[in-house]
Amino acid sequence: MNPLTPYPALFMRLAVGGVFLNHGIDKFQNGIGATANFLAGLGFPMATVFAVILITVETIGAVCVLLGILTRAWAAAMAVVMLGAIFVAKLPAGRNFELDALLLAGALTLIALGDGPLSLAVRFKHRGD
């Protein structure tokens, strides 16, 4: 077995989770109202509901990904967020979407990799062993 095998999922979790958490904390500090107003400006119906979902994915989801808890589920939610960012916010406005594309690729990679061996999910799963 390659001694580096446990690390790809960890590195990807740290990168994707860290960036999402940074953006989520920004949105949380600005308030749900500011995020809802931004989403409403993009034409989202029920912008407040989507703002809460977005902030939840970008904060709680990011922390879970960083720790390796339900990584595939949170990464799927992050992929949906990135698809929305690219196709609803960035492309129509003619803005760059390189970071969004990288985060989408990272989220898809985490869906494939899962929590990885260096995660809390694995740690607690083997606790009774």
N, C-alpha and C. Protein backbone atom coordinates (compact mmCIF):
# COMPACT_ATOMS: atom_id res chain seq x y z
N MET A 1 0.84 -1.19 0.00
CA MET A 1 0.00 0.00 0.00
C MET A 1 0.89 1.24 0.00
N ASN A 2 0.51 2.21 -0.80
CA ASN A 2 1.22 3.47 -0.88
C ASN A 2 1.03 4.23 0.44
N PRO A 3 2.12 4.73 1.04
CA PRO A 3 1.99 5.42 2.32
C PRO A 3 1.23 6.75 2.21
N LEU A 4 1.03 7.26 1.01
CA LEU A 4 0.31 8.52 0.83
C LEU A 4 -1.19 8.32 0.61
N THR A 5 -1.64 7.08 0.51
CA THR A 5 -3.04 6.77 0.21
C THR A 5 -4.05 7.47 1.14
N PRO A 6 -3.80 7.61 2.44
CA PRO A 6 -4.80 8.24 3.30
C PRO A 6 -4.96 9.75 3.10
N TYR A 7 -4.04 10.40 2.40
CA TYR A 7 -4.01 11.85 2.40
C TYR A 7 -4.84 12.58 1.35
N PRO A 8 -5.11 12.05 0.16
CA PRO A 8 -5.86 12.84 -0.82
C PRO A 8 -7.21 13.34 -0.32
N ALA A 9 -7.98 12.49 0.32
CA ALA A 9 -9.28 12.93 0.83
C ALA A 9 -9.11 14.01 1.89
N LEU A 10 -8.13 13.84 2.76
CA LEU A 10 -7.87 14.85 3.80
C LEU A 10 -7.51 16.18 3.16
N PHE A 11 -6.58 16.19 2.22
CA PHE A 11 -6.16 17.44 1.58
C PHE A 11 -7.33 18.11 0.87
N MET A 12 -8.13 17.32 0.18
CA MET A 12 -9.28 17.89 -0.54
C MET A 12 -10.32 18.43 0.44
N ARG A 13 -10.56 17.68 1.53
CA ARG A 13 -11.50 18.17 2.54
C ARG A 13 -11.05 19.49 3.13
N LEU A 14 -9.75 19.60 3.43
CA LEU A 14 -9.23 20.83 4.02
C LEU A 14 -9.33 22.00 3.05
N ALA A 15 -9.03 21.77 1.79
CA ALA A 15 -9.08 22.84 0.80
C ALA A 15 -10.52 23.30 0.54
N VAL A 16 -11.39 22.36 0.20
CA VAL A 16 -12.77 22.71 -0.14
C VAL A 16 -13.51 23.21 1.10
N GLY A 17 -13.38 22.49 2.19
CA GLY A 17 -14.05 22.91 3.42
C GLY A 17 -13.58 24.26 3.91
N GLY A 18 -12.27 24.52 3.80
CA GLY A 18 -11.73 25.80 4.25
C GLY A 18 -12.26 26.98 3.45
N VAL A 19 -12.31 26.83 2.14
CA VAL A 19 -12.81 27.92 1.29
C VAL A 19 -14.30 28.14 1.54
N PHE A 20 -15.06 27.06 1.60
CA PHE A 20 -16.49 27.20 1.86
C PHE A 20 -16.74 27.85 3.22
N LEU A 21 -16.00 27.44 4.23
CA LEU A 21 -16.19 28.01 5.56
C LEU A 21 -15.89 29.51 5.55
N ASN A 22 -14.84 29.90 4.87
CA ASN A 22 -14.51 31.33 4.77
C ASN A 22 -15.66 32.12 4.16
N HIS A 23 -16.23 31.61 3.08
CA HIS A 23 -17.35 32.29 2.43
C HIS A 23 -18.61 32.23 3.29
N GLY A 24 -18.82 31.12 3.97
CA GLY A 24 -19.99 31.00 4.83
C GLY A 24 -19.93 31.95 6.01
N ILE A 25 -18.76 32.10 6.61
CA ILE A 25 -18.61 33.03 7.74
C ILE A 25 -18.89 34.45 7.27
N ASP A 26 -18.40 34.80 6.08
CA ASP A 26 -18.69 36.13 5.52
C ASP A 26 -20.19 36.36 5.40
N LYS A 27 -20.88 35.39 4.83
CA LYS A 27 -22.33 35.53 4.65
C LYS A 27 -23.04 35.58 6.00
N PHE A 28 -22.61 34.76 6.94
CA PHE A 28 -23.22 34.75 8.27
C PHE A 28 -23.03 36.10 8.95
N GLN A 29 -21.83 36.67 8.86
CA GLN A 29 -21.56 37.96 9.49
C GLN A 29 -22.33 39.09 8.82
N ASN A 30 -22.51 39.00 7.50
CA ASN A 30 -23.29 40.02 6.79
C ASN A 30 -24.78 39.89 7.08
N GLY A 31 -25.20 38.72 7.50
CA GLY A 31 -26.60 38.49 7.85
C GLY A 31 -27.39 37.80 6.76
N ILE A 32 -28.40 37.11 7.20
CA ILE A 32 -29.28 36.40 6.25
C ILE A 32 -29.93 37.39 5.30
N GLY A 33 -30.30 38.56 5.83
CA GLY A 33 -30.96 39.56 4.99
C GLY A 33 -30.12 40.00 3.82
N ALA A 34 -28.83 40.24 4.04
CA ALA A 34 -27.95 40.67 2.95
C ALA A 34 -27.80 39.57 1.91
N THR A 35 -27.67 38.34 2.37
CA THR A 35 -27.56 37.22 1.44
C THR A 35 -28.87 37.03 0.69
N ALA A 36 -29.99 37.16 1.38
CA ALA A 36 -31.31 37.04 0.74
C ALA A 36 -31.49 38.13 -0.31
N ASN A 37 -31.08 39.35 0.00
CA ASN A 37 -31.19 40.45 -0.97
C ASN A 37 -30.36 40.17 -2.21
N PHE A 38 -29.15 39.65 -2.00
CA PHE A 38 -28.29 39.29 -3.14
C PHE A 38 -28.97 38.23 -4.00
N LEU A 39 -29.50 37.19 -3.37
CA LEU A 39 -30.16 36.11 -4.11
C LEU A 39 -31.42 36.61 -4.80
N ALA A 40 -32.17 37.48 -4.14
CA ALA A 40 -33.38 38.05 -4.76
C ALA A 40 -33.00 38.85 -6.00
N GLY A 41 -31.88 39.55 -5.94
CA GLY A 41 -31.39 40.31 -7.10
C GLY A 41 -31.03 39.41 -8.27
N LEU A 42 -30.71 38.16 -7.96
CA LEU A 42 -30.43 37.19 -9.03
C LEU A 42 -31.69 36.51 -9.54
N GLY A 43 -32.83 36.83 -8.91
CA GLY A 43 -34.10 36.26 -9.35
C GLY A 43 -34.54 35.02 -8.61
N PHE A 44 -33.88 34.71 -7.49
CA PHE A 44 -34.29 33.54 -6.72
C PHE A 44 -35.62 33.78 -6.03
N PRO A 45 -36.59 32.88 -6.22
CA PRO A 45 -37.81 32.96 -5.41
C PRO A 45 -37.47 32.49 -4.00
N MET A 46 -38.22 32.88 -3.04
CA MET A 46 -37.98 32.47 -1.64
C MET A 46 -36.51 32.69 -1.27
N ALA A 47 -36.02 33.88 -1.53
CA ALA A 47 -34.61 34.18 -1.36
C ALA A 47 -34.15 33.97 0.08
N THR A 48 -34.99 34.24 1.04
CA THR A 48 -34.60 34.06 2.44
C THR A 48 -34.37 32.59 2.75
N VAL A 49 -35.22 31.72 2.24
CA VAL A 49 -35.06 30.28 2.45
C VAL A 49 -33.75 29.82 1.81
N PHE A 50 -33.50 30.26 0.58
CA PHE A 50 -32.25 29.88 -0.08
C PHE A 50 -31.03 30.46 0.63
N ALA A 51 -31.17 31.66 1.20
CA ALA A 51 -30.06 32.25 1.95
C ALA A 51 -29.71 31.39 3.16
N VAL A 52 -30.72 30.92 3.87
CA VAL A 52 -30.48 30.06 5.04
C VAL A 52 -29.81 28.75 4.60
N ILE A 53 -30.30 28.17 3.51
CA ILE A 53 -29.71 26.94 2.99
C ILE A 53 -28.26 27.18 2.59
N LEU A 54 -28.01 28.26 1.87
CA LEU A 54 -26.66 28.58 1.42
C LEU A 54 -25.71 28.78 2.59
N ILE A 55 -26.13 29.56 3.58
CA ILE A 55 -25.27 29.80 4.74
C ILE A 55 -25.05 28.51 5.52
N THR A 56 -26.05 27.66 5.61
CA THR A 56 -25.91 26.38 6.30
C THR A 56 -24.89 25.49 5.59
N VAL A 57 -25.01 25.38 4.28
CA VAL A 57 -24.06 24.55 3.52
C VAL A 57 -22.65 25.10 3.65
N GLU A 58 -22.52 26.42 3.59
CA GLU A 58 -21.19 27.03 3.60
C GLU A 58 -20.57 27.10 4.99
N THR A 59 -21.35 26.91 6.04
CA THR A 59 -20.76 26.93 7.40
C THR A 59 -20.80 25.54 8.03
N ILE A 60 -21.98 25.06 8.34
CA ILE A 60 -22.09 23.75 8.98
C ILE A 60 -21.56 22.66 8.05
N GLY A 61 -21.93 22.73 6.79
CA GLY A 61 -21.44 21.75 5.82
C GLY A 61 -19.93 21.79 5.70
N ALA A 62 -19.37 22.99 5.70
CA ALA A 62 -17.91 23.12 5.59
C ALA A 62 -17.21 22.53 6.81
N VAL A 63 -17.75 22.78 8.00
CA VAL A 63 -17.14 22.23 9.22
C VAL A 63 -17.21 20.70 9.17
N CYS A 64 -18.34 20.17 8.74
CA CYS A 64 -18.47 18.70 8.63
C CYS A 64 -17.47 18.14 7.62
N VAL A 65 -17.30 18.80 6.49
CA VAL A 65 -16.34 18.35 5.50
C VAL A 65 -14.93 18.42 6.06
N LEU A 66 -14.60 19.51 6.73
CA LEU A 66 -13.27 19.64 7.32
C LEU A 66 -12.97 18.50 8.29
N LEU A 67 -13.97 18.10 9.05
CA LEU A 67 -13.80 17.04 10.04
C LEU A 67 -13.96 15.64 9.46
N GLY A 68 -14.56 15.55 8.29
CA GLY A 68 -14.79 14.25 7.68
C GLY A 68 -16.03 13.58 8.23
N ILE A 69 -17.13 14.31 8.28
CA ILE A 69 -18.41 13.80 8.77
C ILE A 69 -19.45 14.01 7.66
N LEU A 70 -20.03 12.94 7.17
CA LEU A 70 -21.02 13.00 6.09
C LEU A 70 -20.48 13.78 4.88
N THR A 71 -19.24 13.55 4.56
CA THR A 71 -18.56 14.31 3.51
C THR A 71 -19.28 14.22 2.17
N ARG A 72 -19.69 13.02 1.77
CA ARG A 72 -20.34 12.88 0.46
C ARG A 72 -21.63 13.71 0.37
N ALA A 73 -22.43 13.68 1.41
CA ALA A 73 -23.70 14.42 1.40
C ALA A 73 -23.45 15.93 1.34
N TRP A 74 -22.54 16.41 2.18
CA TRP A 74 -22.25 17.85 2.18
C TRP A 74 -21.57 18.27 0.88
N ALA A 75 -20.71 17.42 0.35
CA ALA A 75 -20.05 17.74 -0.91
C ALA A 75 -21.07 17.83 -2.05
N ALA A 76 -22.09 16.98 -2.01
CA ALA A 76 -23.15 17.05 -3.02
C ALA A 76 -23.89 18.39 -2.92
N ALA A 77 -24.17 18.81 -1.70
CA ALA A 77 -24.82 20.12 -1.50
C ALA A 77 -23.91 21.24 -1.99
N MET A 78 -22.62 21.12 -1.73
CA MET A 78 -21.66 22.13 -2.19
C MET A 78 -21.58 22.17 -3.71
N ALA A 79 -21.66 21.01 -4.34
CA ALA A 79 -21.64 20.95 -5.80
C ALA A 79 -22.85 21.68 -6.37
N VAL A 80 -24.02 21.49 -5.76
CA VAL A 80 -25.23 22.19 -6.21
C VAL A 80 -25.06 23.70 -6.04
N VAL A 81 -24.49 24.12 -4.91
CA VAL A 81 -24.24 25.55 -4.68
C VAL A 81 -23.31 26.10 -5.76
N MET A 82 -22.28 25.36 -6.10
CA MET A 82 -21.33 25.84 -7.11
C MET A 82 -21.95 25.88 -8.50
N LEU A 83 -22.79 24.90 -8.82
CA LEU A 83 -23.50 24.94 -10.10
C LEU A 83 -24.39 26.18 -10.17
N GLY A 84 -25.07 26.48 -9.07
CA GLY A 84 -25.88 27.69 -9.02
C GLY A 84 -25.04 28.95 -9.17
N ALA A 85 -23.91 28.99 -8.47
CA ALA A 85 -23.04 30.16 -8.56
C ALA A 85 -22.55 30.38 -9.99
N ILE A 86 -22.18 29.29 -10.64
CA ILE A 86 -21.65 29.40 -12.00
C ILE A 86 -22.74 29.81 -12.97
N PHE A 87 -23.87 29.06 -12.97
CA PHE A 87 -24.88 29.25 -14.02
C PHE A 87 -25.91 30.33 -13.72
N VAL A 88 -26.07 30.72 -12.47
CA VAL A 88 -27.05 31.75 -12.14
C VAL A 88 -26.39 33.10 -11.88
N ALA A 89 -25.23 33.08 -11.21
CA ALA A 89 -24.61 34.35 -10.83
C ALA A 89 -23.47 34.76 -11.76
N LYS A 90 -22.56 33.87 -12.05
CA LYS A 90 -21.32 34.26 -12.74
C LYS A 90 -21.47 34.36 -14.27
N LEU A 91 -21.89 33.30 -14.93
CA LEU A 91 -21.97 33.32 -16.39
C LEU A 91 -22.90 34.40 -16.93
N PRO A 92 -24.13 34.54 -16.39
CA PRO A 92 -25.01 35.58 -16.92
C PRO A 92 -24.44 37.00 -16.75
N ALA A 93 -23.64 37.20 -15.72
CA ALA A 93 -23.06 38.52 -15.48
C ALA A 93 -21.73 38.70 -16.20
N GLY A 94 -21.26 37.66 -16.88
CA GLY A 94 -19.99 37.74 -17.58
C GLY A 94 -18.80 37.80 -16.63
N ARG A 95 -18.97 37.24 -15.44
CA ARG A 95 -17.91 37.28 -14.43
C ARG A 95 -17.09 36.00 -14.48
N ASN A 96 -15.87 36.09 -13.97
CA ASN A 96 -14.99 34.93 -13.91
C ASN A 96 -15.55 33.90 -12.93
N PHE A 97 -15.39 32.64 -13.28
CA PHE A 97 -15.91 31.57 -12.43
C PHE A 97 -14.87 30.49 -12.17
N GLU A 98 -13.59 30.85 -12.26
CA GLU A 98 -12.53 29.86 -12.07
C GLU A 98 -12.57 29.23 -10.69
N LEU A 99 -12.69 30.05 -9.64
CA LEU A 99 -12.74 29.52 -8.28
C LEU A 99 -13.96 28.62 -8.11
N ASP A 100 -15.08 29.03 -8.66
CA ASP A 100 -16.30 28.23 -8.56
C ASP A 100 -16.13 26.88 -9.26
N ALA A 101 -15.47 26.89 -10.41
CA ALA A 101 -15.23 25.64 -11.14
C ALA A 101 -14.29 24.73 -10.35
N LEU A 102 -13.27 25.29 -9.74
CA LEU A 102 -12.37 24.48 -8.92
C LEU A 102 -13.09 23.91 -7.71
N LEU A 103 -13.94 24.71 -7.07
CA LEU A 103 -14.69 24.21 -5.92
C LEU A 103 -15.69 23.14 -6.35
N LEU A 104 -16.27 23.29 -7.52
CA LEU A 104 -17.17 22.26 -8.05
C LEU A 104 -16.38 20.97 -8.27
N ALA A 105 -15.21 21.08 -8.88
CA ALA A 105 -14.37 19.88 -9.11
C ALA A 105 -13.97 19.26 -7.77
N GLY A 106 -13.63 20.09 -6.79
CA GLY A 106 -13.27 19.58 -5.47
C GLY A 106 -14.44 18.88 -4.79
N ALA A 107 -15.63 19.46 -4.90
CA ALA A 107 -16.81 18.84 -4.31
C ALA A 107 -17.11 17.50 -4.99
N LEU A 108 -16.99 17.45 -6.31
CA LEU A 108 -17.22 16.19 -7.02
C LEU A 108 -16.17 15.15 -6.64
N THR A 109 -14.95 15.60 -6.44
CA THR A 109 -13.89 14.68 -6.00
C THR A 109 -14.21 14.12 -4.62
N LEU A 110 -14.72 14.97 -3.73
CA LEU A 110 -15.09 14.50 -2.39
C LEU A 110 -16.27 13.53 -2.43
N ILE A 111 -17.17 13.72 -3.37
CA ILE A 111 -18.26 12.75 -3.53
C ILE A 111 -17.65 11.39 -3.88
N ALA A 112 -16.64 11.39 -4.73
CA ALA A 112 -15.99 10.13 -5.13
C ALA A 112 -15.15 9.54 -3.99
N LEU A 113 -14.41 10.39 -3.27
CA LEU A 113 -13.50 9.91 -2.24
C LEU A 113 -14.19 9.61 -0.90
N GLY A 114 -15.22 10.35 -0.58
CA GLY A 114 -15.87 10.20 0.72
C GLY A 114 -15.03 10.81 1.83
N ASP A 115 -15.29 10.38 3.05
CA ASP A 115 -14.61 10.95 4.22
C ASP A 115 -13.11 10.71 4.20
N GLY A 116 -12.70 9.56 3.72
CA GLY A 116 -11.29 9.18 3.76
C GLY A 116 -10.91 8.59 5.10
N PRO A 117 -9.78 7.91 5.15
CA PRO A 117 -9.38 7.22 6.38
C PRO A 117 -8.98 8.16 7.52
N LEU A 118 -8.62 9.39 7.20
CA LEU A 118 -8.23 10.35 8.24
C LEU A 118 -9.38 11.30 8.52
N SER A 119 -10.46 10.75 9.07
CA SER A 119 -11.67 11.54 9.32
C SER A 119 -12.29 11.13 10.65
N LEU A 120 -13.13 12.00 11.16
CA LEU A 120 -13.83 11.66 12.40
C LEU A 120 -14.82 10.53 12.19
N ALA A 121 -15.41 10.48 11.01
CA ALA A 121 -16.37 9.40 10.74
C ALA A 121 -15.69 8.05 10.89
N VAL A 122 -14.52 7.91 10.33
CA VAL A 122 -13.79 6.63 10.44
C VAL A 122 -13.32 6.43 11.86
N ARG A 123 -12.87 7.47 12.49
CA ARG A 123 -12.39 7.38 13.88
C ARG A 123 -13.49 6.85 14.81
N PHE A 124 -14.69 7.39 14.67
CA PHE A 124 -15.79 6.96 15.54
C PHE A 124 -16.34 5.60 15.14
N LYS A 125 -16.27 5.29 13.86
CA LYS A 125 -16.74 3.99 13.39
C LYS A 125 -15.90 2.87 13.98
N HIS A 126 -14.62 3.10 14.13
CA HIS A 126 -13.70 2.07 14.66
C HIS A 126 -13.45 2.21 16.15
N ARG A 127 -14.19 3.06 16.79
CA ARG A 127 -13.99 3.31 18.22
C ARG A 127 -14.16 2.08 19.07
N GLY A 128 -15.11 1.25 18.71
CA GLY A 128 -15.39 0.05 19.50
C GLY A 128 -14.49 -1.12 19.18
N ASP A 129 -13.66 -0.97 18.14
CA ASP A 129 -12.78 -2.09 17.74
C ASP A 129 -11.70 -2.36 18.74
